[in-house]
Amino acid sequence: MCGGCSAAAAHRELDVLLADVLARLPDNHRDVLIFRHLENLPHEEIATRMNRSPGADRMLWVRALAVLRDACGKELVEPSGGAR
């Protein structure tokens, strides 16, 4: 397999891992991460959409990032679907 092919395959595998981990997060954590990182919304807009204050949104975002990092780390060490 060519170097670019294996890099593309690894990227796809990480995309699947991220999607799996996001799907298992609590709804509010998943929503704030998607709004912030995929839709590139500012905290003020996210707060409005989620019926929260901007400060509460920022705290939720920080907690969601910590949960995401922890979940991704566990998946990389102990994948739920078997050995990777």
Protein backbone atom coordinates (compact mmCIF):
# COMPACT_ATOMS: atom_id res chain seq x y z
CA MET A 1 0.00 0.00 0.00
CA CYS A 2 1.36 3.47 -0.82
CA GLY A 3 2.26 5.93 1.97
CA GLY A 4 -0.58 8.28 1.02
CA CYS A 5 -3.03 5.39 0.95
CA SER A 6 -2.12 4.25 4.44
CA ALA A 7 -2.33 7.83 5.73
CA ALA A 8 -5.79 8.20 4.20
CA ALA A 9 -6.87 4.89 5.75
CA ALA A 10 -5.57 5.98 9.15
CA HIS A 11 -7.43 9.28 8.83
CA ARG A 12 -10.66 7.45 8.00
CA GLU A 13 -10.17 5.15 10.99
CA LEU A 14 -9.75 8.16 13.28
CA ASP A 15 -12.87 9.75 11.76
CA VAL A 16 -14.85 6.60 12.59
CA LEU A 17 -13.40 6.53 16.11
CA LEU A 18 -14.36 10.17 16.67
CA ALA A 19 -17.89 9.59 15.34
CA ASP A 20 -18.29 6.56 17.66
CA VAL A 21 -17.06 8.49 20.69
CA LEU A 22 -19.25 11.52 19.89
CA ALA A 23 -22.30 9.27 19.57
CA ARG A 24 -21.76 8.01 23.13
CA LEU A 25 -21.40 11.46 24.72
CA PRO A 26 -24.31 13.06 26.56
CA ASP A 27 -26.46 15.12 24.17
CA ASN A 28 -25.43 18.50 25.60
CA HIS A 29 -21.71 17.63 25.34
CA ARG A 30 -22.08 16.38 21.78
CA ASP A 31 -24.14 19.43 20.77
CA VAL A 32 -21.71 22.00 22.17
CA LEU A 33 -18.74 20.27 20.49
CA ILE A 34 -20.51 20.05 17.13
CA PHE A 35 -21.69 23.67 17.27
CA ARG A 36 -18.22 24.92 18.25
CA HIS A 37 -15.90 22.72 16.17
CA LEU A 38 -17.91 21.59 13.16
CA GLU A 39 -20.23 24.56 12.69
CA ASN A 40 -17.62 27.08 13.97
CA LEU A 41 -20.21 29.00 15.98
CA PRO A 42 -19.16 31.55 18.60
CA HIS A 43 -19.99 30.79 22.24
CA GLU A 44 -22.64 33.51 22.28
CA GLU A 45 -24.56 31.83 19.44
CA ILE A 46 -24.18 28.39 20.98
CA ALA A 47 -25.46 29.74 24.30
CA THR A 48 -28.54 31.16 22.58
CA ARG A 49 -29.23 27.89 20.75
CA MET A 50 -28.80 25.85 23.92
CA ASN A 51 -30.70 28.29 26.16
CA ARG A 52 -27.66 28.92 28.37
CA SER A 53 -25.55 31.91 29.31
CA PRO A 54 -22.28 32.37 27.37
CA GLY A 55 -20.34 31.61 30.56
CA ALA A 56 -22.29 28.40 31.15
CA ASP A 57 -21.71 27.46 27.52
CA ARG A 58 -17.96 27.92 27.87
CA MET A 59 -17.89 25.74 31.01
CA LEU A 60 -19.95 23.05 29.29
CA TRP A 61 -17.57 23.18 26.31
CA VAL A 62 -14.51 22.76 28.57
CA ARG A 63 -16.13 19.79 30.35
CA ALA A 64 -17.19 18.27 27.02
CA LEU A 65 -13.63 18.54 25.68
CA ALA A 66 -12.29 16.78 28.77
CA VAL A 67 -14.83 13.96 28.43
CA LEU A 68 -14.05 13.66 24.71
CA ARG A 69 -10.28 13.51 25.33
CA ASP A 70 -10.75 10.87 28.02
CA ALA A 71 -13.07 8.78 25.84
CA CYS A 72 -10.78 9.00 22.81
CA GLY A 73 -7.78 8.01 24.89
CA LYS A 74 -9.58 4.97 26.24
CA GLU A 75 -10.71 3.96 22.74
CA LEU A 76 -7.15 4.17 21.42
CA VAL A 77 -5.87 2.02 24.29
CA GLU A 78 -8.84 -0.35 24.66
CA PRO A 79 -11.01 -0.24 21.51
CA SER A 80 -14.54 -1.50 22.04
CA GLY A 81 -14.56 -3.31 18.72
CA GLY A 82 -11.53 -5.50 19.37
CA ALA A 83 -7.83 -5.02 18.63
CA ARG A 84 -6.79 -2.20 16.32
